[in-house]
Amino acid sequence: MTHTRYAFVKANWHADIVDRALDGFLELIPADQVDVFDVPGAFEMPLLARDLAQTGRYAAVACAAFVVDGGIYRHDFVAQAVVDGLMRAGLETGVPVLSVSLTPHQYQETDHHTAIYRAHFVEKGREAARAALKIVETRAALTRAA
């Protein structure tokens, strides 16, 4: 019996926070059904997501990143480009590409904020897993009905 496979792409910036999304994802989808890929940052996710989706191996691709205001660039523009790119990757390939990309306006690298966002990423990972499972189920039902 073959299992449905999922890809999980995670950005290495703020890995201590971002990696928690994978923890949440794996609470609902078994690790042996998930291939994990690292990218340097959020901006690199859409291209890899598209490439993974095009392989035909994955029922869905989830992507996680934490885009914060570094003071040098407009992080909201980066975040918008990433989310748009992920949406485009899904639409172009026909494979669901899910975003677990968060862009807080008030993040500070304190223990308090880090703890809040680590916990939040676990929940966002669970949400991405639920979305992946549901969209796969819904699309399978559409195929059976056709």
Protein backbone atom coordinates (compact mmCIF):
# COMPACT_ATOMS: atom_id res chain seq x y z
CA MET A 1 0.00 0.00 0.00
CA THR A 2 1.42 3.39 -0.93
CA HIS A 3 0.91 6.32 1.37
CA THR A 4 0.16 9.83 0.27
CA ARG A 5 3.36 11.88 0.42
CA TYR A 6 3.78 15.48 1.49
CA ALA A 7 6.67 17.90 1.14
CA PHE A 8 7.52 20.36 3.90
CA VAL A 9 9.82 23.27 3.03
CA LYS A 10 11.24 25.39 5.82
CA ALA A 11 13.34 28.52 5.78
CA ASN A 12 16.52 28.49 7.86
CA TRP A 13 16.19 32.07 9.09
CA HIS A 14 14.91 31.86 12.68
CA ALA A 15 15.04 28.05 12.47
CA ASP A 16 14.49 27.78 16.24
CA ILE A 17 11.01 29.21 15.62
CA VAL A 18 10.23 28.00 12.08
CA ASP A 19 11.12 24.36 12.79
CA ARG A 20 8.29 24.22 15.31
CA ALA A 21 5.83 24.33 12.38
CA LEU A 22 7.24 21.00 11.24
CA ASP A 23 6.69 19.64 14.77
CA GLY A 24 3.00 20.60 14.55
CA PHE A 25 2.68 19.22 11.01
CA LEU A 26 4.11 15.87 12.10
CA GLU A 27 1.59 15.62 14.94
CA LEU A 28 -1.09 14.94 12.31
CA ILE A 29 0.80 13.49 9.34
CA PRO A 30 3.24 10.63 10.00
CA ALA A 31 6.91 11.49 9.49
CA ASP A 32 7.35 8.60 7.06
CA GLN A 33 4.95 10.38 4.68
CA VAL A 34 6.77 13.72 4.81
CA ASP A 35 9.92 14.75 2.97
CA VAL A 36 11.57 17.80 4.55
CA PHE A 37 13.56 20.40 2.61
CA ASP A 38 15.50 23.39 3.91
CA VAL A 39 15.98 26.67 2.06
CA PRO A 40 18.07 29.67 3.13
CA GLY A 41 15.13 32.03 3.57
CA ALA A 42 11.50 32.67 2.71
CA PHE A 43 12.28 34.15 -0.69
CA GLU A 44 13.62 30.80 -1.91
CA MET A 45 10.48 28.83 -0.97
CA PRO A 46 8.24 29.45 -4.02
CA LEU A 47 10.74 28.13 -6.55
CA LEU A 48 11.44 24.96 -4.57
CA ALA A 49 7.72 24.50 -3.86
CA ARG A 50 7.00 24.69 -7.58
CA ASP A 51 9.82 22.25 -8.38
CA LEU A 52 8.60 19.78 -5.74
CA ALA A 53 5.00 20.05 -6.91
CA GLN A 54 6.06 19.42 -10.52
CA THR A 55 7.66 16.08 -9.57
CA GLY A 56 4.22 14.53 -9.11
CA ARG A 57 5.39 12.85 -5.89
CA TYR A 58 3.48 15.03 -3.46
CA ALA A 59 -0.20 15.50 -2.73
CA ALA A 60 0.61 18.87 -1.14
CA VAL A 61 3.58 21.07 -0.32
CA ALA A 62 3.69 23.07 2.92
CA CYS A 63 6.14 25.95 3.33
CA ALA A 64 7.14 27.64 6.59
CA ALA A 65 9.02 30.88 7.18
CA PHE A 66 9.23 33.74 9.65
CA VAL A 67 9.69 37.06 7.87
CA VAL A 68 10.54 39.82 10.34
CA ASP A 69 11.38 43.48 9.99
CA GLY A 70 15.15 43.61 9.86
CA GLY A 71 15.15 47.39 9.66
CA ILE A 72 16.88 47.42 6.26
CA TYR A 73 14.14 46.23 3.93
CA ARG A 74 10.37 46.27 3.90
CA HIS A 75 9.59 42.81 5.22
CA ASP A 76 5.95 43.15 4.22
CA PHE A 77 7.00 43.33 0.55
CA VAL A 78 9.11 40.19 0.94
CA ALA A 79 6.25 38.39 2.69
CA GLN A 80 3.77 39.41 -0.02
CA ALA A 81 6.12 38.22 -2.77
CA VAL A 82 6.57 34.88 -0.99
CA VAL A 83 2.86 34.27 -0.46
CA ASP A 84 2.09 35.30 -4.06
CA GLY A 85 4.83 32.98 -5.31
CA LEU A 86 3.52 30.06 -3.28
CA MET A 87 -0.01 30.63 -4.59
CA ARG A 88 1.30 30.81 -8.14
CA ALA A 89 3.27 27.57 -7.66
CA GLY A 90 0.10 25.78 -6.61
CA LEU A 91 -2.00 27.20 -9.42
CA GLU A 92 0.64 26.46 -12.08
CA THR A 93 1.19 22.85 -10.97
CA GLY A 94 -2.26 21.87 -9.73
CA VAL A 95 -0.71 20.74 -6.43
CA PRO A 96 -1.81 22.51 -3.25
CA VAL A 97 0.98 24.71 -1.86
CA LEU A 98 0.27 25.81 1.70
CA SER A 99 1.82 28.75 3.47
CA VAL A 100 2.91 28.76 7.10
CA SER A 101 4.64 32.10 6.57
CA LEU A 102 4.18 34.59 9.37
CA THR A 103 5.10 38.25 9.26
CA PRO A 104 4.75 39.90 12.65
CA HIS A 105 5.02 43.67 12.87
CA GLN A 106 6.22 43.71 16.47
CA TYR A 107 8.72 40.84 16.81
CA GLN A 108 11.68 41.41 19.10
CA GLU A 109 14.33 38.78 19.74
CA THR A 110 13.47 38.38 23.40
CA ASP A 111 12.80 35.14 25.25
CA HIS A 112 9.17 36.19 25.67
CA HIS A 113 8.52 36.85 21.95
CA THR A 114 10.50 33.78 20.89
CA ALA A 115 8.40 31.55 23.18
CA ILE A 116 5.16 33.06 21.84
CA TYR A 117 6.12 32.51 18.20
CA ARG A 118 7.55 29.03 18.77
CA ALA A 119 4.19 27.96 20.23
CA HIS A 120 2.32 29.76 17.45
CA PHE A 121 4.33 27.96 14.78
CA VAL A 122 3.44 24.58 16.29
CA GLU A 123 -0.25 25.48 15.93
CA LYS A 124 0.28 26.84 12.40
CA GLY A 125 1.98 23.56 11.49
CA ARG A 126 -1.07 21.65 12.74
CA GLU A 127 -3.32 23.95 10.71
CA ALA A 128 -1.24 23.31 7.58
CA ALA A 129 -1.47 19.55 8.14
CA ARG A 130 -5.24 19.76 8.57
CA ALA A 131 -5.50 21.84 5.41
CA ALA A 132 -3.29 19.40 3.46
CA LEU A 133 -5.34 16.40 4.58
CA LYS A 134 -8.64 18.12 3.82
CA ILE A 135 -7.68 19.40 0.38
CA VAL A 136 -6.33 15.96 -0.59
CA GLU A 137 -9.56 14.35 0.63
CA THR A 138 -11.73 16.89 -1.20
CA ARG A 139 -9.80 16.58 -4.45
CA ALA A 140 -9.98 12.77 -4.26
CA ALA A 141 -13.76 12.99 -3.82
CA LEU A 142 -13.97 15.26 -6.90
CA THR A 143 -11.99 12.72 -8.91
CA ARG A 144 -14.25 9.86 -7.78
CA ALA A 145 -17.37 11.90 -8.64
CA ALA A 146 -16.15 12.73 -12.14
